[in-house]
N, C-alpha and C. Protein backbone atom coordinates (compact mmCIF):
# COMPACT_ATOMS: atom_id res chain seq x y z
N MET A 1 6.76 -19.13 -18.18
CA MET A 1 5.77 -18.28 -17.56
C MET A 1 6.45 -17.08 -16.90
N THR A 2 5.78 -15.97 -16.94
CA THR A 2 6.33 -14.78 -16.30
C THR A 2 6.01 -14.79 -14.81
N PRO A 3 6.91 -14.26 -14.00
CA PRO A 3 6.65 -14.23 -12.56
C PRO A 3 5.53 -13.24 -12.22
N HIS A 4 4.87 -13.51 -11.14
CA HIS A 4 3.84 -12.60 -10.65
C HIS A 4 4.53 -11.51 -9.83
N ARG A 5 4.09 -10.30 -10.02
CA ARG A 5 4.63 -9.19 -9.24
C ARG A 5 3.64 -8.84 -8.15
N ARG A 6 4.14 -8.74 -6.94
CA ARG A 6 3.32 -8.32 -5.80
C ARG A 6 3.91 -7.03 -5.27
N PHE A 7 3.03 -6.16 -4.82
CA PHE A 7 3.43 -4.85 -4.33
C PHE A 7 3.08 -4.76 -2.85
N TYR A 8 4.08 -4.43 -2.03
CA TYR A 8 3.87 -4.34 -0.58
C TYR A 8 4.20 -2.93 -0.11
N LEU A 9 3.33 -2.41 0.73
CA LEU A 9 3.46 -1.05 1.23
C LEU A 9 4.74 -0.86 2.02
N ARG A 10 5.37 0.27 1.83
CA ARG A 10 6.50 0.67 2.67
C ARG A 10 5.92 1.49 3.81
N ALA A 11 5.67 0.82 4.91
CA ALA A 11 4.95 1.42 6.03
C ALA A 11 5.67 2.63 6.62
N ASP A 12 7.00 2.63 6.59
CA ASP A 12 7.74 3.76 7.16
C ASP A 12 7.41 5.06 6.43
N THR A 13 7.31 5.00 5.12
CA THR A 13 7.00 6.20 4.33
C THR A 13 5.59 6.70 4.65
N VAL A 14 4.64 5.78 4.70
CA VAL A 14 3.26 6.18 4.96
C VAL A 14 3.11 6.67 6.40
N GLN A 15 3.77 6.01 7.34
CA GLN A 15 3.68 6.45 8.74
C GLN A 15 4.23 7.87 8.90
N ALA A 16 5.31 8.18 8.20
CA ALA A 16 5.86 9.54 8.26
C ALA A 16 4.85 10.56 7.74
N ALA A 17 4.15 10.22 6.66
CA ALA A 17 3.13 11.12 6.11
C ALA A 17 1.96 11.27 7.07
N LEU A 18 1.54 10.18 7.69
CA LEU A 18 0.44 10.26 8.66
C LEU A 18 0.83 11.14 9.83
N ASP A 19 2.05 10.96 10.33
CA ASP A 19 2.54 11.80 11.43
C ASP A 19 2.59 13.27 11.03
N ARG A 20 3.09 13.53 9.84
CA ARG A 20 3.22 14.90 9.35
C ARG A 20 1.86 15.59 9.25
N HIS A 21 0.82 14.83 8.89
CA HIS A 21 -0.52 15.40 8.72
C HIS A 21 -1.42 15.16 9.93
N HIS A 22 -0.86 14.59 11.00
CA HIS A 22 -1.60 14.35 12.24
C HIS A 22 -2.83 13.48 11.99
N LEU A 23 -2.63 12.41 11.22
CA LEU A 23 -3.73 11.50 10.89
C LEU A 23 -3.58 10.18 11.62
N THR A 24 -4.70 9.61 12.01
CA THR A 24 -4.70 8.26 12.56
C THR A 24 -4.85 7.27 11.41
N HIS A 25 -4.55 6.03 11.69
CA HIS A 25 -4.73 5.00 10.66
C HIS A 25 -6.20 4.88 10.28
N MET A 26 -7.09 5.04 11.25
CA MET A 26 -8.52 4.95 10.96
C MET A 26 -8.94 6.06 9.98
N LEU A 27 -8.49 7.26 10.21
CA LEU A 27 -8.85 8.37 9.32
C LEU A 27 -8.26 8.18 7.93
N PHE A 28 -7.03 7.67 7.85
CA PHE A 28 -6.42 7.47 6.55
C PHE A 28 -7.12 6.34 5.80
N ALA A 29 -7.49 5.26 6.50
CA ALA A 29 -8.23 4.18 5.86
C ALA A 29 -9.55 4.71 5.30
N ASP A 30 -10.24 5.54 6.08
CA ASP A 30 -11.49 6.15 5.61
C ASP A 30 -11.23 7.03 4.39
N HIS A 31 -10.16 7.78 4.42
CA HIS A 31 -9.78 8.65 3.30
C HIS A 31 -9.59 7.84 2.01
N LEU A 32 -9.01 6.65 2.14
CA LEU A 32 -8.77 5.79 0.98
C LEU A 32 -10.00 4.96 0.61
N GLY A 33 -11.01 4.96 1.47
CA GLY A 33 -12.20 4.15 1.22
C GLY A 33 -12.00 2.68 1.56
N LEU A 34 -11.09 2.41 2.52
CA LEU A 34 -10.80 1.03 2.91
C LEU A 34 -11.30 0.78 4.32
N SER A 35 -11.60 -0.48 4.61
CA SER A 35 -11.94 -0.83 5.99
C SER A 35 -10.68 -0.77 6.84
N ARG A 36 -10.85 -0.58 8.12
CA ARG A 36 -9.69 -0.54 9.02
C ARG A 36 -8.96 -1.88 9.02
N SER A 37 -9.71 -2.97 8.92
CA SER A 37 -9.12 -4.30 8.91
C SER A 37 -8.25 -4.50 7.67
N TYR A 38 -8.77 -4.14 6.52
CA TYR A 38 -8.01 -4.28 5.27
C TYR A 38 -6.77 -3.39 5.32
N TRP A 39 -6.93 -2.14 5.78
CA TRP A 39 -5.79 -1.23 5.87
C TRP A 39 -4.72 -1.81 6.80
N SER A 40 -5.12 -2.38 7.90
CA SER A 40 -4.17 -2.98 8.83
C SER A 40 -3.38 -4.10 8.16
N GLN A 41 -4.05 -4.93 7.39
CA GLN A 41 -3.37 -6.02 6.69
C GLN A 41 -2.38 -5.48 5.67
N VAL A 42 -2.78 -4.44 4.94
CA VAL A 42 -1.89 -3.83 3.95
C VAL A 42 -0.71 -3.15 4.64
N PHE A 43 -1.00 -2.38 5.69
CA PHE A 43 0.05 -1.63 6.38
C PHE A 43 1.08 -2.57 7.00
N ASN A 44 0.63 -3.69 7.52
CA ASN A 44 1.53 -4.65 8.17
C ASN A 44 2.09 -5.70 7.21
N ARG A 45 1.87 -5.49 5.91
CA ARG A 45 2.42 -6.33 4.84
C ARG A 45 1.94 -7.78 4.89
N HIS A 46 0.74 -7.97 5.42
CA HIS A 46 0.12 -9.29 5.40
C HIS A 46 -0.67 -9.49 4.11
N ARG A 47 -0.90 -8.40 3.40
CA ARG A 47 -1.65 -8.43 2.14
C ARG A 47 -0.96 -7.51 1.15
N ALA A 48 -0.86 -7.97 -0.09
CA ALA A 48 -0.27 -7.14 -1.14
C ALA A 48 -1.25 -6.04 -1.55
N LEU A 49 -0.71 -4.98 -2.12
CA LEU A 49 -1.53 -3.87 -2.60
C LEU A 49 -2.19 -4.23 -3.93
N SER A 50 -3.47 -3.99 -4.03
CA SER A 50 -4.17 -4.19 -5.30
C SER A 50 -3.89 -2.99 -6.21
N PRO A 51 -4.13 -3.13 -7.50
CA PRO A 51 -3.97 -1.97 -8.39
C PRO A 51 -4.82 -0.77 -7.96
N ASP A 52 -6.04 -1.02 -7.50
CA ASP A 52 -6.91 0.08 -7.07
C ASP A 52 -6.33 0.81 -5.87
N VAL A 53 -5.80 0.07 -4.91
CA VAL A 53 -5.23 0.71 -3.72
C VAL A 53 -3.97 1.47 -4.10
N ARG A 54 -3.17 0.92 -5.00
CA ARG A 54 -1.97 1.65 -5.45
C ARG A 54 -2.36 2.98 -6.10
N ARG A 55 -3.39 2.96 -6.94
CA ARG A 55 -3.87 4.20 -7.57
C ARG A 55 -4.37 5.19 -6.51
N ASP A 56 -5.11 4.69 -5.53
CA ASP A 56 -5.63 5.56 -4.47
C ASP A 56 -4.50 6.19 -3.65
N LEU A 57 -3.47 5.41 -3.38
CA LEU A 57 -2.32 5.95 -2.64
C LEU A 57 -1.64 7.06 -3.44
N LEU A 58 -1.45 6.83 -4.74
CA LEU A 58 -0.80 7.84 -5.58
C LEU A 58 -1.65 9.11 -5.69
N ALA A 59 -2.97 8.97 -5.62
CA ALA A 59 -3.87 10.11 -5.74
C ALA A 59 -4.12 10.83 -4.42
N SER A 60 -3.69 10.24 -3.32
CA SER A 60 -3.96 10.82 -2.00
C SER A 60 -3.25 12.16 -1.82
N ARG A 61 -4.01 13.13 -1.35
CA ARG A 61 -3.41 14.45 -1.11
C ARG A 61 -2.38 14.40 0.02
N TYR A 62 -2.49 13.42 0.89
CA TYR A 62 -1.54 13.31 2.00
C TYR A 62 -0.21 12.70 1.57
N LEU A 63 -0.19 12.07 0.40
CA LEU A 63 1.04 11.45 -0.10
C LEU A 63 1.55 12.16 -1.35
N ARG A 64 1.06 13.36 -1.58
CA ARG A 64 1.47 14.14 -2.75
C ARG A 64 2.99 14.31 -2.75
N GLY A 65 3.60 14.03 -3.89
CA GLY A 65 5.04 14.18 -4.02
C GLY A 65 5.84 12.96 -3.62
N VAL A 66 5.18 11.92 -3.11
CA VAL A 66 5.87 10.69 -2.74
C VAL A 66 5.88 9.77 -3.95
N SER A 67 7.04 9.28 -4.31
CA SER A 67 7.16 8.44 -5.50
C SER A 67 6.69 7.01 -5.24
N GLU A 68 6.41 6.31 -6.33
CA GLU A 68 6.03 4.90 -6.23
C GLU A 68 7.12 4.10 -5.53
N ALA A 69 8.35 4.38 -5.85
CA ALA A 69 9.47 3.64 -5.26
C ALA A 69 9.53 3.82 -3.75
N ASP A 70 9.04 4.95 -3.25
CA ASP A 70 9.02 5.19 -1.81
C ASP A 70 7.76 4.65 -1.15
N LEU A 71 6.73 4.37 -1.94
CA LEU A 71 5.46 3.89 -1.38
C LEU A 71 5.37 2.37 -1.24
N TRP A 72 6.01 1.65 -2.17
CA TRP A 72 5.89 0.20 -2.09
C TRP A 72 7.12 -0.50 -2.64
N ASP A 73 7.27 -1.74 -2.20
CA ASP A 73 8.30 -2.64 -2.69
C ASP A 73 7.65 -3.60 -3.67
N VAL A 74 8.37 -3.94 -4.71
CA VAL A 74 7.89 -4.90 -5.71
C VAL A 74 8.61 -6.21 -5.47
N VAL A 75 7.82 -7.28 -5.31
CA VAL A 75 8.38 -8.61 -5.07
C VAL A 75 7.97 -9.51 -6.22
N GLU A 76 8.96 -10.11 -6.85
CA GLU A 76 8.70 -11.06 -7.94
C GLU A 76 8.51 -12.44 -7.32
N ALA A 77 7.39 -13.05 -7.59
CA ALA A 77 7.10 -14.39 -7.08
C ALA A 77 6.84 -15.32 -8.25
N ALA A 78 7.45 -16.48 -8.20
CA ALA A 78 7.24 -17.46 -9.27
C ALA A 78 5.79 -17.90 -9.26
N PRO A 79 5.17 -18.04 -10.43
CA PRO A 79 3.76 -18.50 -10.48
C PRO A 79 3.67 -19.94 -9.99
N ALA A 80 2.55 -20.26 -9.42
CA ALA A 80 2.31 -21.63 -8.96
C ALA A 80 2.27 -22.56 -10.18
N SER A 81 2.87 -23.70 -10.06
CA SER A 81 2.88 -24.65 -11.17
C SER A 81 1.52 -25.33 -11.28
N ALA A 82 1.14 -25.61 -12.50
CA ALA A 82 -0.16 -26.25 -12.75
C ALA A 82 -0.08 -27.71 -12.32
N PRO A 83 -1.17 -28.27 -11.80
CA PRO A 83 -1.16 -29.68 -11.35
C PRO A 83 -1.10 -30.64 -12.51
């Protein structure tokens, strides 16, 4: 079986962009179309990034020019074994 890949936000990169654009986390979550609660979980690495959120981050005008490698870490996790 192939391992599952999980993508976790690199908060330092995003925080630098928010600071540069004078944005709060609430405004950025609204910009991405996410709830503040969900954004908090993603930002604090309690939840992996979904494909939709990864696409939204790449399309964000506030993160223009930031590469995927700078936006998230990829973690390979072994799939759960079948019972």
